[in-house]
Amino acid sequence: MTAIKPSLGKSCLNGGMSRPNISLHPFEGADWQAALETLAGPGAGAFQQSAPYGDVMRVLGRKVARIEIRLGAVRIGLVQMIARSPLWLMSRGPVFGPDVAQDVQQAAVRRLARRAGVVIATPERAIDGFGLIPLISPRHHAIWSLSPAEQDLRAGLAGKWRNRLAAAERAELRLRVERNIDWILRADRGQQAARGYRALPASFTQAWGSCSPDGLRAWRVEGRDGQRLAGMVVLRHGAGASYHIGWSGAQGRRVGAHNFGLWHAALWLRRMGCARFDLGDINSEDGAGRMHFKLGTGAQAQPLGATAWVLPN
């Protein structure tokens, strides 16, 4: 299957014309990640639609369905759905090819609900219309393109962000690959409790490292005296990456350790061929400070679709 041609992305739902000929098929290819990026470009798809995520969910005992969406004979989309009895969750999907019309996307999502049953969807992009009942307002994620040259990435940093990075460099902070992430996981649990939010459990992170050893990278930031100032975990999936866990102590926050760590993590990802770095939610419980930190990298705020209950068509 190939990506949809622009002329096939036009809908036939309006003006009394016939409905689009959408069909669903179990994905039969050997490489889900490659299929996503062939369809929609390098780094396409959030980590919830990636091959490692599906593998991890299976290890954790969830049922996973990978489905190809066709318009006529042409592949227009791919979606990975996770069963959470009695629901099927469709997070940050489906991944559609370019130029697929909104009402074709809507029809495809409702066709998936007809096949699966009770479906809760959070599309990567807004999909509105009859049959999608909003449950949670749209969120925004900070998406950092790593395609520009290094000097252009640095020029794209906000002034205050770049100044903190420069100060950390003058302080001779050091970035070390972290082989034992247990302390980062413990620090993250404490951070969640202190700030009153919940994230994916440590078992998820550990399972990702087991299922995709090359897809998990952790670092610690040290001062000149070897003191541990910050830590972070990044998940790789094809030409995309997701900022998974970040922690910084009080001293680390004073000296810009997190700016230093995230900048060098981004450069490493770029060298590894990553084009898209998802820094996560910016409507978070941490408020404006977290939002300004993420967007200070030059990342763009991307609105997701509303979380919706999808009625079958």
Foldseek 3Di string as FASTA:
>chain_A
DAADDLVLQDAQPPDPGDGFPKDKDFDDDPAQLVVLCRHAHFQFFDPCFFPLVQVLLVVVPWDKTWMFMDGVNHTFWIFIWICDPPEIETEQDTRGHPNRDLVNVLQNVLQVCVVRPWYKYWHQAARDDPQWAFDFAWFKWFKDFLPDDLVVLLVLFAPVLNVLLVQLVVQVKDKDWDPDCPVQLVQQVVVCVVLVHDDDHPSSVVSSCVSPVVQKTKIFIAGPVRDTFWIFIKGDGGLEIEGGGIDGDPVCVVRVVVSNVVSVVSVVSVVVNRGMYTDDTPVDSVPPVVNCNSCSSVTDIRIIYGTTTGHHD
